[in-house]
Amino acid sequence: MKLIPYSNTYSKCLNDVYGHKTTNKLINRGVYRYLSVLGLLRSNMYMCINNDDVIGWGCIIRKINVKSLKIETWIAAIYILESFRHQNLGTQMMQNIISECRSKNYNCLQLYVEKNNMGACKLYEKLGFIHEKCYKNRIYYKMTYIIQ
């Protein structure tokens, strides 16, 4: 399994894997529209390749925290095709994303995860993410990984 930066070469793969309508839905959702306008989508989107097949993708963004004025690194999205889940590929993909962030000298990686997504919560905890906040009246946790 390898993680490679998204390029136009793989837009056809996205269409093949997810279908043209699904790919358009993914890209046209608010966060992707926002990232695309800022020019961040392609430079921070990675394809998960296994045996020359696109089996998933992940998106890392860097943004300024308006309260602290520090640049933060976030996993905006991560996805593995259902037929490839429970094969340790999500763990490998996350390890590759962490390594990518480490190679760029990022010091911290953050994400939000839905509280009822127990599989993802366990995966992130196993990798060393800690629960930073549990939002009342909300359906997600904020989790943080300190990159060493």
N, C-alpha and C. Protein backbone atom coordinates (compact mmCIF):
# COMPACT_ATOMS: atom_id res chain seq x y z
N MET A 1 0.86 -1.17 0.00
CA MET A 1 0.00 0.00 0.00
C MET A 1 0.90 1.22 0.00
N LYS A 2 0.57 2.17 -0.87
CA LYS A 2 1.33 3.41 -0.88
C LYS A 2 0.39 4.59 -0.95
N LEU A 3 0.89 5.72 -0.50
CA LEU A 3 0.14 6.96 -0.48
C LEU A 3 0.82 7.90 -1.46
N ILE A 4 0.08 8.38 -2.44
CA ILE A 4 0.68 9.28 -3.42
C ILE A 4 -0.15 10.55 -3.54
N PRO A 5 0.50 11.68 -3.83
CA PRO A 5 -0.26 12.92 -4.01
C PRO A 5 -1.26 12.79 -5.14
N TYR A 6 -2.42 13.38 -4.96
CA TYR A 6 -3.45 13.39 -5.99
C TYR A 6 -2.94 14.17 -7.18
N SER A 7 -3.24 13.70 -8.37
CA SER A 7 -2.92 14.44 -9.59
C SER A 7 -4.03 14.20 -10.59
N ASN A 8 -4.03 14.97 -11.66
CA ASN A 8 -5.06 14.82 -12.69
C ASN A 8 -5.08 13.40 -13.24
N THR A 9 -3.94 12.73 -13.20
CA THR A 9 -3.86 11.35 -13.67
C THR A 9 -4.85 10.47 -12.93
N TYR A 10 -5.05 10.79 -11.64
CA TYR A 10 -5.91 9.94 -10.82
C TYR A 10 -7.36 10.39 -10.81
N SER A 11 -7.69 11.50 -11.47
CA SER A 11 -9.10 11.91 -11.49
C SER A 11 -9.93 10.86 -12.22
N LYS A 12 -9.36 10.25 -13.26
CA LYS A 12 -10.06 9.17 -13.96
C LYS A 12 -10.24 7.98 -13.01
N CYS A 13 -9.22 7.68 -12.20
CA CYS A 13 -9.33 6.57 -11.24
C CYS A 13 -10.44 6.84 -10.24
N LEU A 14 -10.52 8.09 -9.77
CA LEU A 14 -11.60 8.44 -8.84
C LEU A 14 -12.95 8.16 -9.48
N ASN A 15 -13.10 8.58 -10.74
CA ASN A 15 -14.36 8.33 -11.43
C ASN A 15 -14.62 6.84 -11.59
N ASP A 16 -13.57 6.09 -11.92
CA ASP A 16 -13.72 4.64 -12.09
C ASP A 16 -14.10 3.97 -10.78
N VAL A 17 -13.47 4.38 -9.69
CA VAL A 17 -13.69 3.74 -8.40
C VAL A 17 -15.02 4.16 -7.78
N TYR A 18 -15.26 5.46 -7.74
CA TYR A 18 -16.43 5.97 -7.02
C TYR A 18 -17.60 6.28 -7.94
N GLY A 19 -17.36 6.29 -9.24
CA GLY A 19 -18.40 6.69 -10.18
C GLY A 19 -18.39 8.19 -10.35
N HIS A 20 -18.69 8.65 -11.54
CA HIS A 20 -18.61 10.08 -11.85
C HIS A 20 -19.50 10.92 -10.94
N LYS A 21 -20.72 10.47 -10.70
CA LYS A 21 -21.64 11.24 -9.85
C LYS A 21 -21.13 11.33 -8.42
N THR A 22 -20.64 10.21 -7.88
CA THR A 22 -20.13 10.20 -6.51
C THR A 22 -18.90 11.09 -6.40
N THR A 23 -17.98 10.99 -7.36
CA THR A 23 -16.79 11.83 -7.35
C THR A 23 -17.17 13.30 -7.35
N ASN A 24 -18.12 13.66 -8.20
CA ASN A 24 -18.57 15.05 -8.24
C ASN A 24 -19.19 15.47 -6.92
N LYS A 25 -19.96 14.58 -6.29
CA LYS A 25 -20.55 14.90 -4.98
C LYS A 25 -19.45 15.15 -3.95
N LEU A 26 -18.44 14.27 -3.95
CA LEU A 26 -17.35 14.42 -2.98
C LEU A 26 -16.63 15.74 -3.18
N ILE A 27 -16.33 16.06 -4.42
CA ILE A 27 -15.56 17.26 -4.72
C ILE A 27 -16.40 18.51 -4.55
N ASN A 28 -17.70 18.42 -4.79
CA ASN A 28 -18.55 19.61 -4.71
C ASN A 28 -19.09 19.90 -3.32
N ARG A 29 -18.87 19.00 -2.36
CA ARG A 29 -19.30 19.28 -1.00
C ARG A 29 -18.57 20.51 -0.50
N GLY A 30 -19.13 21.15 0.49
CA GLY A 30 -18.60 22.42 0.99
C GLY A 30 -17.12 22.43 1.27
N VAL A 31 -16.61 21.44 2.01
CA VAL A 31 -15.20 21.47 2.38
C VAL A 31 -14.31 21.37 1.15
N TYR A 32 -14.70 20.57 0.17
CA TYR A 32 -13.86 20.42 -1.00
C TYR A 32 -13.94 21.65 -1.89
N ARG A 33 -15.11 22.25 -1.94
CA ARG A 33 -15.25 23.50 -2.70
C ARG A 33 -14.36 24.56 -2.07
N TYR A 34 -14.38 24.64 -0.74
CA TYR A 34 -13.56 25.60 0.02
C TYR A 34 -12.07 25.35 -0.25
N LEU A 35 -11.67 24.08 -0.14
CA LEU A 35 -10.26 23.75 -0.36
C LEU A 35 -9.84 24.05 -1.79
N SER A 36 -10.72 23.74 -2.71
CA SER A 36 -10.41 23.96 -4.12
C SER A 36 -10.22 25.44 -4.42
N VAL A 37 -11.09 26.29 -3.86
CA VAL A 37 -10.99 27.74 -4.07
C VAL A 37 -9.65 28.25 -3.54
N LEU A 38 -9.21 27.70 -2.42
CA LEU A 38 -7.94 28.13 -1.83
C LEU A 38 -6.73 27.49 -2.51
N GLY A 39 -6.98 26.60 -3.43
CA GLY A 39 -5.89 25.92 -4.11
C GLY A 39 -5.24 24.84 -3.26
N LEU A 40 -5.94 24.35 -2.25
CA LEU A 40 -5.36 23.37 -1.34
C LEU A 40 -5.73 21.94 -1.68
N LEU A 41 -6.80 21.76 -2.43
CA LEU A 41 -7.33 20.41 -2.60
C LEU A 41 -6.31 19.45 -3.20
N ARG A 42 -5.74 19.80 -4.32
CA ARG A 42 -4.85 18.85 -4.97
C ARG A 42 -3.50 18.72 -4.28
N SER A 43 -3.00 19.81 -3.73
CA SER A 43 -1.68 19.73 -3.12
C SER A 43 -1.71 18.97 -1.80
N ASN A 44 -2.87 18.77 -1.24
CA ASN A 44 -2.97 18.11 0.05
C ASN A 44 -3.84 16.86 0.03
N MET A 45 -4.26 16.44 -1.13
CA MET A 45 -5.09 15.25 -1.23
C MET A 45 -4.22 14.09 -1.68
N TYR A 46 -4.37 12.95 -1.01
CA TYR A 46 -3.55 11.79 -1.31
C TYR A 46 -4.43 10.61 -1.68
N MET A 47 -3.95 9.84 -2.64
CA MET A 47 -4.65 8.64 -3.06
C MET A 47 -3.97 7.45 -2.38
N CYS A 48 -4.76 6.51 -1.93
CA CYS A 48 -4.27 5.28 -1.32
C CYS A 48 -4.30 4.22 -2.41
N ILE A 49 -3.12 3.72 -2.78
CA ILE A 49 -2.99 2.78 -3.89
C ILE A 49 -2.54 1.42 -3.34
N ASN A 50 -3.23 0.37 -3.72
CA ASN A 50 -2.87 -0.98 -3.32
C ASN A 50 -2.92 -1.86 -4.55
N ASN A 51 -1.79 -2.47 -4.90
CA ASN A 51 -1.71 -3.30 -6.12
C ASN A 51 -2.24 -2.56 -7.34
N ASP A 52 -1.85 -1.30 -7.50
CA ASP A 52 -2.23 -0.43 -8.62
C ASP A 52 -3.70 -0.05 -8.67
N ASP A 53 -4.44 -0.32 -7.61
CA ASP A 53 -5.84 0.08 -7.53
C ASP A 53 -5.99 1.22 -6.53
N VAL A 54 -6.82 2.21 -6.87
CA VAL A 54 -7.15 3.26 -5.92
C VAL A 54 -8.18 2.68 -4.96
N ILE A 55 -7.80 2.60 -3.68
CA ILE A 55 -8.70 1.99 -2.70
C ILE A 55 -9.19 2.99 -1.67
N GLY A 56 -8.69 4.22 -1.75
CA GLY A 56 -9.12 5.23 -0.80
C GLY A 56 -8.38 6.53 -1.02
N TRP A 57 -8.66 7.47 -0.15
CA TRP A 57 -8.02 8.78 -0.25
C TRP A 57 -8.04 9.48 1.11
N GLY A 58 -7.19 10.47 1.23
CA GLY A 58 -7.13 11.28 2.44
C GLY A 58 -6.79 12.71 2.07
N CYS A 59 -7.21 13.64 2.90
CA CYS A 59 -6.96 15.04 2.62
C CYS A 59 -6.43 15.73 3.88
N ILE A 60 -5.27 16.36 3.74
CA ILE A 60 -4.65 17.10 4.83
C ILE A 60 -4.74 18.58 4.50
N ILE A 61 -5.17 19.38 5.46
CA ILE A 61 -5.19 20.82 5.24
C ILE A 61 -4.37 21.51 6.32
N ARG A 62 -3.88 22.68 5.97
CA ARG A 62 -3.19 23.55 6.92
C ARG A 62 -4.00 24.82 7.00
N LYS A 63 -4.29 25.27 8.21
CA LYS A 63 -5.09 26.48 8.36
C LYS A 63 -4.60 27.27 9.56
N ILE A 64 -4.94 28.53 9.59
CA ILE A 64 -4.55 29.38 10.70
C ILE A 64 -5.68 29.36 11.73
N ASN A 65 -5.31 29.09 12.98
CA ASN A 65 -6.25 29.18 14.08
C ASN A 65 -6.42 30.66 14.40
N VAL A 66 -7.64 31.16 14.26
CA VAL A 66 -7.85 32.60 14.43
C VAL A 66 -7.67 33.06 15.87
N LYS A 67 -7.78 32.16 16.83
CA LYS A 67 -7.58 32.54 18.23
C LYS A 67 -6.09 32.60 18.58
N SER A 68 -5.33 31.58 18.19
CA SER A 68 -3.91 31.52 18.57
C SER A 68 -2.98 32.06 17.49
N LEU A 69 -3.52 32.23 16.27
CA LEU A 69 -2.75 32.67 15.11
C LEU A 69 -1.63 31.69 14.75
N LYS A 70 -1.80 30.42 15.15
CA LYS A 70 -0.85 29.37 14.80
C LYS A 70 -1.40 28.57 13.63
N ILE A 71 -0.48 28.04 12.84
CA ILE A 71 -0.89 27.18 11.73
C ILE A 71 -1.14 25.78 12.27
N GLU A 72 -2.30 25.23 11.93
CA GLU A 72 -2.68 23.89 12.38
C GLU A 72 -2.77 22.96 11.18
N THR A 73 -2.49 21.69 11.43
CA THR A 73 -2.60 20.67 10.39
C THR A 73 -3.75 19.75 10.77
N TRP A 74 -4.66 19.56 9.82
CA TRP A 74 -5.87 18.77 10.06
C TRP A 74 -6.01 17.69 9.00
N ILE A 75 -6.54 16.56 9.42
CA ILE A 75 -7.01 15.57 8.45
C ILE A 75 -8.45 15.97 8.17
N ALA A 76 -8.68 16.46 6.97
CA ALA A 76 -10.02 16.92 6.59
C ALA A 76 -10.91 15.75 6.22
N ALA A 77 -10.31 14.69 5.69
CA ALA A 77 -11.10 13.53 5.29
C ALA A 77 -10.17 12.35 5.10
N ILE A 78 -10.69 11.18 5.37
CA ILE A 78 -9.99 9.94 5.07
C ILE A 78 -11.06 8.91 4.72
N TYR A 79 -10.79 8.13 3.69
CA TYR A 79 -11.80 7.18 3.24
C TYR A 79 -11.12 5.96 2.63
N ILE A 80 -11.60 4.79 3.01
CA ILE A 80 -11.17 3.52 2.40
C ILE A 80 -12.44 2.85 1.86
N LEU A 81 -12.37 2.35 0.62
CA LEU A 81 -13.52 1.64 0.05
C LEU A 81 -13.96 0.52 0.98
N GLU A 82 -15.26 0.32 1.08
CA GLU A 82 -15.80 -0.69 1.99
C GLU A 82 -15.21 -2.07 1.76
N SER A 83 -15.01 -2.44 0.50
CA SER A 83 -14.49 -3.78 0.22
C SER A 83 -13.04 -3.97 0.67
N PHE A 84 -12.35 -2.89 1.04
CA PHE A 84 -10.96 -2.98 1.49
C PHE A 84 -10.81 -2.70 2.99
N ARG A 85 -11.91 -2.51 3.68
CA ARG A 85 -11.84 -2.25 5.12
C ARG A 85 -11.55 -3.54 5.89
N HIS A 86 -11.12 -3.38 7.13
CA HIS A 86 -10.79 -4.51 8.02
C HIS A 86 -9.65 -5.36 7.48
N GLN A 87 -8.73 -4.71 6.73
CA GLN A 87 -7.54 -5.40 6.21
C GLN A 87 -6.28 -4.66 6.63
N ASN A 88 -6.40 -3.79 7.62
CA ASN A 88 -5.28 -3.01 8.15
C ASN A 88 -4.82 -1.90 7.19
N LEU A 89 -5.54 -1.66 6.11
CA LEU A 89 -5.13 -0.64 5.15
C LEU A 89 -5.39 0.77 5.66
N GLY A 90 -6.44 0.96 6.46
CA GLY A 90 -6.70 2.26 7.07
C GLY A 90 -5.57 2.65 8.02
N THR A 91 -5.09 1.66 8.79
CA THR A 91 -3.96 1.90 9.69
C THR A 91 -2.73 2.28 8.90
N GLN A 92 -2.45 1.53 7.83
CA GLN A 92 -1.29 1.83 7.00
C GLN A 92 -1.41 3.22 6.36
N MET A 93 -2.61 3.56 5.92
CA MET A 93 -2.81 4.87 5.31
C MET A 93 -2.56 5.97 6.33
N MET A 94 -3.09 5.82 7.54
CA MET A 94 -2.88 6.82 8.58
C MET A 94 -1.40 6.92 8.95
N GLN A 95 -0.71 5.79 9.03
CA GLN A 95 0.72 5.82 9.32
C GLN A 95 1.48 6.56 8.23
N ASN A 96 1.08 6.37 6.99
CA ASN A 96 1.71 7.09 5.88
C ASN A 96 1.42 8.59 5.95
N ILE A 97 0.20 8.94 6.33
CA ILE A 97 -0.14 10.37 6.47
C ILE A 97 0.68 10.99 7.60
N ILE A 98 0.82 10.28 8.71
CA ILE A 98 1.62 10.78 9.82
C ILE A 98 3.08 10.93 9.39
N SER A 99 3.61 9.95 8.66
CA SER A 99 4.99 10.05 8.15
C SER A 99 5.16 11.23 7.21
N GLU A 100 4.17 11.45 6.36
CA GLU A 100 4.20 12.59 5.44
C GLU A 100 4.25 13.91 6.22
N CYS A 101 3.44 14.01 7.27
CA CYS A 101 3.43 15.22 8.11
C CYS A 101 4.76 15.37 8.85
N ARG A 102 5.31 14.26 9.33
CA ARG A 102 6.60 14.30 10.02
C ARG A 102 7.69 14.79 9.07
N SER A 103 7.67 14.31 7.82
CA SER A 103 8.70 14.71 6.85
C SER A 103 8.61 16.19 6.50
N LYS A 104 7.44 16.78 6.71
CA LYS A 104 7.26 18.21 6.45
C LYS A 104 7.44 19.04 7.72
N ASN A 105 7.89 18.37 8.80
CA ASN A 105 8.16 19.02 10.08
C ASN A 105 6.92 19.64 10.72
N TYR A 106 5.75 19.04 10.49
CA TYR A 106 4.55 19.47 11.20
C TYR A 106 4.64 18.91 12.61
N ASN A 107 4.18 19.65 13.60
CA ASN A 107 4.34 19.17 14.97
C ASN A 107 3.08 18.52 15.56
N CYS A 108 1.95 18.69 14.90
CA CYS A 108 0.70 18.22 15.47
C CYS A 108 -0.29 17.94 14.34
N LEU A 109 -1.09 16.93 14.51
CA LEU A 109 -2.10 16.56 13.52
C LEU A 109 -3.42 16.41 14.26
N GLN A 110 -4.47 17.03 13.74
CA GLN A 110 -5.77 17.01 14.41
C GLN A 110 -6.86 16.50 13.47
N LEU A 111 -7.93 16.02 14.07
CA LEU A 111 -9.08 15.59 13.28
C LEU A 111 -10.32 15.58 14.16
N TYR A 112 -11.45 15.56 13.52
CA TYR A 112 -12.73 15.33 14.19
C TYR A 112 -13.21 13.96 13.75
N VAL A 113 -13.80 13.24 14.68
CA VAL A 113 -14.35 11.93 14.36
C VAL A 113 -15.72 11.82 15.03
N GLU A 114 -16.66 11.23 14.31
CA GLU A 114 -17.99 11.06 14.87
C GLU A 114 -17.93 10.09 16.05
N LYS A 115 -18.65 10.43 17.11
CA LYS A 115 -18.64 9.61 18.33
C LYS A 115 -19.10 8.18 18.07
N ASN A 116 -20.04 8.01 17.16
CA ASN A 116 -20.57 6.66 16.91
C ASN A 116 -19.73 5.86 15.92
N ASN A 117 -18.65 6.43 15.41
CA ASN A 117 -17.76 5.71 14.50
C ASN A 117 -16.68 5.03 15.34
N MET A 118 -17.06 3.97 16.03
CA MET A 118 -16.19 3.31 16.99
C MET A 118 -14.94 2.72 16.34
N GLY A 119 -15.08 2.22 15.11
CA GLY A 119 -13.92 1.66 14.41
C GLY A 119 -12.85 2.71 14.18
N ALA A 120 -13.26 3.89 13.73
CA ALA A 120 -12.31 4.98 13.50
C ALA A 120 -11.72 5.47 14.82
N CYS A 121 -12.55 5.61 15.85
CA CYS A 121 -12.06 6.04 17.17
C CYS A 121 -10.98 5.10 17.67
N LYS A 122 -11.22 3.79 17.57
CA LYS A 122 -10.24 2.80 18.03
C LYS A 122 -8.96 2.87 17.20
N LEU A 123 -9.10 3.06 15.90
CA LEU A 123 -7.94 3.18 15.02
C LEU A 123 -7.08 4.37 15.43
N TYR A 124 -7.70 5.52 15.61
CA TYR A 124 -6.95 6.73 15.96
C TYR A 124 -6.30 6.59 17.33
N GLU A 125 -7.00 6.00 18.29
CA GLU A 125 -6.43 5.78 19.63
C GLU A 125 -5.23 4.84 19.54
N LYS A 126 -5.36 3.78 18.75
CA LYS A 126 -4.27 2.81 18.58
C LYS A 126 -3.03 3.48 17.99
N LEU A 127 -3.24 4.47 17.13
CA LEU A 127 -2.13 5.18 16.50
C LEU A 127 -1.52 6.25 17.40
N GLY A 128 -2.19 6.56 18.52
CA GLY A 128 -1.63 7.53 19.45
C GLY A 128 -2.36 8.86 19.51
N PHE A 129 -3.48 8.97 18.82
CA PHE A 129 -4.30 10.19 18.93
C PHE A 129 -4.94 10.21 20.32
N ILE A 130 -5.05 11.39 20.89
CA ILE A 130 -5.71 11.52 22.18
C ILE A 130 -6.98 12.36 22.02
N HIS A 131 -7.98 12.06 22.85
CA HIS A 131 -9.21 12.85 22.85
C HIS A 131 -8.89 14.18 23.50
N GLU A 132 -8.96 15.24 22.71
CA GLU A 132 -8.71 16.56 23.26
C GLU A 132 -9.97 17.17 23.81
N LYS A 133 -11.06 17.00 23.06
CA LYS A 133 -12.34 17.56 23.49
C LYS A 133 -13.46 16.62 23.09
N CYS A 134 -14.47 16.62 23.91
CA CYS A 134 -15.71 15.94 23.58
C CYS A 134 -16.79 17.02 23.63
N TYR A 135 -17.34 17.35 22.52
CA TYR A 135 -18.28 18.45 22.47
C TYR A 135 -19.66 18.02 22.92
N LYS A 136 -20.18 18.72 23.92
CA LYS A 136 -21.55 18.48 24.37
C LYS A 136 -22.50 18.86 23.24
N ASN A 137 -23.58 18.15 23.15
CA ASN A 137 -24.61 18.44 22.15
C ASN A 137 -24.09 18.32 20.72
N ARG A 138 -22.93 17.73 20.55
CA ARG A 138 -22.39 17.53 19.20
C ARG A 138 -22.11 16.04 19.03
N ILE A 139 -21.88 15.66 17.81
CA ILE A 139 -21.74 14.24 17.54
C ILE A 139 -20.29 13.82 17.26
N TYR A 140 -19.31 14.63 17.65
CA TYR A 140 -17.95 14.27 17.32
C TYR A 140 -16.97 14.59 18.45
N TYR A 141 -15.80 13.94 18.34
CA TYR A 141 -14.67 14.21 19.22
C TYR A 141 -13.62 14.97 18.41
N LYS A 142 -12.87 15.79 19.11
CA LYS A 142 -11.66 16.37 18.52
C LYS A 142 -10.50 15.53 19.04
N MET A 143 -9.67 15.02 18.12
CA MET A 143 -8.53 14.19 18.52
C MET A 143 -7.24 14.81 17.99
N THR A 144 -6.16 14.64 18.76
CA THR A 144 -4.88 15.25 18.42
C THR A 144 -3.76 14.21 18.49
N TYR A 145 -2.84 14.32 17.54
CA TYR A 145 -1.65 13.47 17.53
C TYR A 145 -0.43 14.38 17.55
N ILE A 146 0.45 14.18 18.53
CA ILE A 146 1.68 14.97 18.61
C ILE A 146 2.75 14.23 17.80
N ILE A 147 3.28 14.90 16.78
CA ILE A 147 4.28 14.30 15.90
C ILE A 147 5.66 14.49 16.52
N GLN A 148 6.38 13.39 16.68
CA GLN A 148 7.73 13.46 17.27
C GLN A 148 8.77 13.05 16.27
